[in-house]
Protein backbone atom coordinates (compact mmCIF):
# COMPACT_ATOMS: atom_id res chain seq x y z
CA MET A 1 0.05 -0.10 0.06
CA PRO A 2 1.61 3.30 -1.09
CA ALA A 3 2.28 5.91 1.53
CA PRO A 4 -0.26 8.69 1.72
CA PRO A 5 0.63 12.15 0.25
CA ARG A 6 2.40 14.49 2.74
CA VAL A 7 1.47 17.95 3.77
CA GLU A 8 2.88 20.47 1.32
CA ILE A 9 3.72 24.15 1.43
CA ILE A 10 1.94 25.56 -1.60
CA ASP A 11 2.46 29.37 -2.33
CA GLY A 12 3.75 29.70 1.22
CA ILE A 13 0.59 28.03 2.83
CA LYS A 14 0.59 24.66 4.52
CA THR A 15 -1.89 22.48 2.56
CA PHE A 16 -3.59 19.31 3.42
CA ILE A 17 -5.38 16.46 1.61
CA PRO A 18 -9.14 17.30 1.37
CA LEU A 19 -11.31 15.34 3.67
CA GLU A 20 -14.37 13.28 2.58
CA ASN A 21 -17.77 14.17 4.10
CA ASN A 22 -18.17 10.59 5.11
CA PRO A 23 -19.49 9.39 8.48
CA ASP A 24 -16.90 6.74 8.82
CA ILE A 25 -14.14 9.26 7.96
CA LEU A 26 -15.44 11.81 10.37
CA LYS A 27 -15.74 9.21 13.09
CA LEU A 28 -12.19 8.22 12.47
CA LEU A 29 -10.98 11.81 12.59
CA CYS A 30 -12.79 12.19 15.94
CA GLU A 31 -10.88 9.03 17.26
CA ASN A 32 -7.55 10.60 16.02
CA LEU A 33 -8.49 13.83 17.84
CA GLN A 34 -9.37 11.93 21.05
CA ILE A 35 -12.99 13.10 20.84
CA SER A 36 -15.59 11.21 22.81
CA LEU A 37 -17.00 8.23 21.01
CA ASP A 38 -20.52 9.26 21.99
CA LEU A 39 -20.63 11.51 18.88
CA ASP A 40 -22.21 9.78 16.01
CA PHE A 41 -22.52 10.63 12.41
CA HIS A 42 -25.44 10.01 9.88
CA ASP A 43 -25.71 10.47 6.04
CA ILE A 44 -28.73 12.59 5.22
CA ILE A 45 -29.73 11.24 1.80
CA SER A 46 -33.17 13.02 1.83
CA THR A 47 -34.52 15.99 3.82
CA SER A 48 -38.17 14.83 3.43
CA PRO A 49 -40.00 14.76 6.75
CA ALA A 50 -40.90 11.17 6.27
CA PHE A 51 -37.34 10.05 5.77
CA LEU A 52 -35.92 12.12 8.68
CA GLN A 53 -38.67 10.91 11.04
CA GLU A 54 -38.16 7.29 10.22
CA CYS A 55 -34.44 6.85 9.75
CA TYR A 56 -32.49 9.26 11.84
CA PHE A 57 -31.63 9.88 15.48
CA ARG A 58 -32.83 12.89 17.24
CA PRO A 59 -32.25 15.47 18.63
CA CYS A 60 -29.58 16.62 16.12
CA HIS A 61 -27.79 19.80 17.21
CA ALA A 62 -24.93 19.88 14.64
CA ILE A 63 -24.77 19.39 10.84
CA ILE A 64 -21.70 19.36 8.42
CA VAL A 65 -22.26 20.35 4.87
CA LEU A 66 -19.94 19.75 1.83
CA ALA A 67 -21.06 21.65 -1.23
CA HIS A 68 -19.48 22.13 -4.67
CA ARG A 69 -18.09 25.62 -5.20
CA SER A 70 -20.96 26.55 -7.62
CA ILE A 71 -23.55 25.73 -5.00
CA TYR A 72 -21.64 27.49 -2.22
CA GLN A 73 -21.20 30.60 -4.26
CA ALA A 74 -24.81 30.71 -5.24
CA ALA A 75 -25.89 30.30 -1.62
CA ARG A 76 -23.41 32.60 0.09
CA SER A 77 -21.89 35.08 -2.35
CA ALA A 78 -24.30 37.72 -1.21
CA VAL A 79 -24.06 36.78 2.44
CA GLU A 80 -20.30 36.81 2.91
CA PRO A 81 -19.86 40.65 2.46
CA THR A 82 -22.36 41.33 5.22
CA ILE A 83 -20.36 39.53 7.91
CA SER A 84 -18.16 41.78 9.94
CA GLU A 85 -14.63 40.78 10.89
CA TYR A 86 -14.66 38.76 14.04
CA LYS A 87 -12.41 40.12 16.84
CA GLY A 88 -13.68 38.26 19.85
CA SER A 89 -11.93 36.07 22.32
CA GLY A 90 -12.35 34.67 25.77
CA PRO A 91 -14.90 32.33 27.46
CA ASN A 92 -17.84 34.62 27.27
CA GLU A 93 -18.21 34.68 23.48
CA PRO A 94 -21.43 33.04 22.30
CA VAL A 95 -19.53 30.56 20.10
CA ILE A 96 -15.81 29.68 19.52
CA TRP A 97 -15.06 30.62 15.93
CA MET A 98 -11.70 29.93 14.18
CA LYS A 99 -10.26 31.34 10.96
CA GLN A 100 -8.93 28.76 8.46
CA THR A 101 -5.46 29.48 7.24
CA ILE A 102 -4.50 25.94 6.24
CA GLY A 103 -5.24 24.95 2.62
CA HIS A 104 -7.79 22.15 2.10
CA ALA A 105 -8.48 22.03 5.84
CA CYS A 106 -12.22 23.11 5.66
CA GLY A 107 -13.33 19.60 6.70
CA LEU A 108 -11.19 19.68 9.79
CA MET A 109 -12.36 23.19 10.63
CA ALA A 110 -15.96 22.10 10.30
CA LEU A 111 -15.47 19.21 12.69
CA LEU A 112 -13.44 21.50 15.22
CA HIS A 113 -16.26 24.07 15.10
CA VAL A 114 -18.84 21.32 15.95
CA VAL A 115 -16.79 19.57 18.80
CA PHE A 116 -15.59 22.93 20.30
CA ASN A 117 -19.05 24.30 20.54
CA LEU A 118 -21.58 21.47 20.75
CA GLU A 119 -23.11 21.25 24.24
CA GLY A 120 -20.43 23.56 25.68
CA GLY A 121 -17.63 21.27 24.37
CA ARG A 122 -18.72 18.24 26.45
CA TYR A 123 -17.43 15.81 23.81
CA VAL A 124 -13.89 17.14 24.12
CA ARG A 125 -12.44 14.75 26.75
CA PRO A 126 -10.67 16.44 29.64
CA GLY A 127 -6.96 16.06 29.75
CA THR A 128 -6.46 15.27 26.14
CA ALA A 129 -4.39 17.08 23.59
CA ILE A 130 -7.49 18.47 21.88
CA ASP A 131 -8.78 19.66 25.17
CA ALA A 132 -5.55 21.63 25.90
CA LEU A 133 -5.81 23.03 22.31
CA ARG A 134 -9.33 24.16 22.93
CA GLN A 135 -8.55 25.80 26.20
CA GLN A 136 -5.69 27.70 24.57
CA ALA A 137 -7.72 28.76 21.57
CA ILE A 138 -10.47 30.24 23.76
CA LEU A 139 -8.17 32.73 25.29
CA LEU A 140 -6.53 33.89 22.03
CA GLY A 141 -7.69 36.50 19.54
CA PRO A 142 -8.59 35.37 16.02
CA THR A 143 -5.12 35.82 14.40
CA GLU A 144 -3.31 33.99 17.28
CA ARG A 145 -5.97 31.39 17.47
CA ALA A 146 -5.58 30.62 13.65
CA GLN A 147 -1.79 30.47 14.14
CA LEU A 148 -2.24 28.02 17.07
CA LEU A 149 -4.20 25.66 14.73
CA TYR A 150 -1.73 26.22 11.83
CA ASP A 151 1.26 25.24 13.95
CA SER A 152 -0.35 22.16 15.52
CA SER A 153 1.38 18.92 14.50
CA PHE A 154 -1.40 17.04 16.49
CA LEU A 155 -4.10 18.36 14.07
CA GLU A 156 -2.00 17.81 11.11
CA GLU A 157 -1.26 14.11 11.78
CA ALA A 158 -4.98 13.48 12.79
CA HIS A 159 -6.30 15.03 9.62
CA MET A 160 -3.82 13.51 7.20
CA ASP A 161 -4.39 10.03 8.54
CA ALA A 162 -8.17 10.28 8.29
CA ALA A 163 -8.11 12.13 4.86
CA SER A 164 -5.88 9.34 3.41
CA ARG A 165 -8.32 6.57 4.37
CA GLY A 166 -11.49 7.63 2.43
CA SER A 167 -13.37 5.65 -0.16
CA SER A 168 -12.14 7.56 -3.12
CA ASN A 169 -8.70 7.99 -4.56
CA VAL A 170 -6.37 9.98 -2.37
CA PRO A 171 -5.73 13.42 -4.00
CA SER A 172 -2.62 15.45 -3.88
CA PRO A 173 -2.59 18.62 -1.85
CA ARG A 174 -1.82 20.31 -5.13
CA GLU A 175 -5.07 19.32 -6.75
CA ASP A 176 -7.75 22.06 -7.12
CA ASN A 177 -10.39 21.49 -4.51
CA GLN A 178 -13.79 22.30 -5.97
CA HIS A 179 -15.75 21.81 -2.73
CA HIS A 180 -16.15 23.52 0.61
CA PHE A 181 -17.19 22.39 4.17
CA LEU A 182 -19.05 24.24 6.70
CA ALA A 183 -20.83 23.52 10.01
CA PHE A 184 -24.10 24.42 11.74
CA VAL A 185 -24.34 24.15 15.50
CA HIS A 186 -27.35 24.66 17.74
CA LYS A 187 -26.12 26.15 21.02
CA ASP A 188 -28.16 27.85 23.80
CA GLY A 189 -31.26 27.93 21.58
CA LYS A 190 -29.46 29.74 18.71
CA VAL A 191 -28.28 28.38 15.39
CA TRP A 192 -24.82 29.39 14.17
CA GLU A 193 -23.08 28.87 10.85
CA LEU A 194 -19.49 28.32 11.41
CA ASN A 195 -17.13 28.51 8.49
CA GLY A 196 -13.48 29.33 8.78
CA GLY A 197 -13.45 30.81 5.39
CA MET A 198 -15.83 33.67 6.43
CA ASN A 199 -15.04 36.76 8.33
CA GLY A 200 -16.62 35.28 11.48
CA PRO A 201 -19.57 33.33 12.77
CA LEU A 202 -22.96 33.80 11.21
CA PHE A 203 -26.05 33.88 13.43
CA ARG A 204 -28.87 32.11 11.66
CA GLY A 205 -31.80 32.31 14.07
CA VAL A 206 -33.46 30.66 17.02
CA LEU A 207 -35.14 27.33 17.41
CA GLY A 208 -38.21 26.82 19.58
CA GLU A 209 -38.63 24.17 22.33
CA GLY A 210 -38.42 20.73 21.02
CA GLU A 211 -37.05 21.74 17.60
CA ASP A 212 -33.64 20.56 16.36
CA LEU A 213 -31.63 21.02 13.27
CA LEU A 214 -33.57 18.34 11.43
CA SER A 215 -36.96 19.94 12.27
CA GLU A 216 -38.56 22.08 9.59
CA ARG A 217 -37.37 25.29 11.18
CA GLY A 218 -33.94 23.69 11.69
CA LEU A 219 -33.54 22.88 8.03
CA GLU A 220 -34.77 26.34 7.11
CA LEU A 221 -31.89 27.93 9.14
CA THR A 222 -29.20 25.47 7.89
CA VAL A 223 -29.23 23.58 4.59
CA GLN A 224 -32.22 25.11 2.89
CA ASP A 225 -30.10 27.88 1.18
CA PHE A 226 -27.79 25.24 -0.23
CA LEU A 227 -30.56 22.85 -1.41
CA ILE A 228 -32.19 25.79 -3.31
CA ALA A 229 -28.81 26.74 -4.78
CA ALA A 230 -28.14 23.15 -5.89
CA GLU A 231 -31.54 23.10 -7.68
CA GLN A 232 -30.86 26.51 -9.32
CA THR A 233 -27.36 25.65 -10.54
CA GLY A 234 -28.30 22.06 -11.60
CA CYS A 235 -25.33 20.78 -9.49
CA ASP A 236 -25.98 17.78 -7.18
CA GLU A 237 -22.41 17.67 -5.71
CA MET A 238 -23.49 18.18 -2.03
CA SER A 239 -23.63 16.06 0.97
CA ILE A 240 -25.12 16.54 4.51
CA VAL A 241 -24.00 14.75 7.64
CA ALA A 242 -25.99 15.00 10.84
CA ILE A 243 -24.13 14.64 14.11
CA THR A 244 -25.83 13.47 17.27
CA GLY A 245 -24.56 13.00 20.81
CA ALA A 246 -25.23 11.06 23.98
CA ASP A 247 -28.86 12.10 24.30
CA ALA A 248 -29.92 10.80 20.81
CA VAL A 249 -32.74 8.23 20.64
CA ALA A 250 -34.13 6.45 17.59
CA GLN A 251 -37.30 7.84 16.13
CA GLY A 252 -40.32 5.76 15.02
């Protein structure tokens, strides 16, 4: 078995292998990052109410989306300029947001945005390397926080191992990546879009009691823009993974 491609410095930027939006690969990345195994990942192959009610675990308070560039641009080109530059830090911020400065690392960033924020970070196991990284990141401003992630050999090794073990051919870091990851997290009643490629976190709205991200309102605040954009562009290169925690129970 050939060795996986190595991280490369391209145009002065550390660049990874792109990650697959695959529940098994995301689970493996969690294991590499020493994240609690209580997190589970589910492919969403339909957003019809009947499918979600019958097949998936609830409540769902986090979603990771991978969309082709054409879908992403159609859904977010008008939104991105409205987001002010994030300058926050410290434990009192409503969410932990991190700027992406590593090439092809948007999958890793999406997962970090989920595990650092979901249920107050309860799935980050105390005393682990990722716990220490999270605690450091919280205290730093956005530039220093991004540099902390950039310099982390722990994150690099965890990502590269998981990214090289997907179901498709392993690409080179030099290949053009036509897709982008982003995360949605429901925290303290509010829904946040967390994307290290934007200027900061994007507040999407509030869910009512008993609603989660797979409810009608939850889908409206998360993936609906991208589903509409996919239909408008005629591009179907998009995948959705729902993330559930220790409180999830089977529906039906």
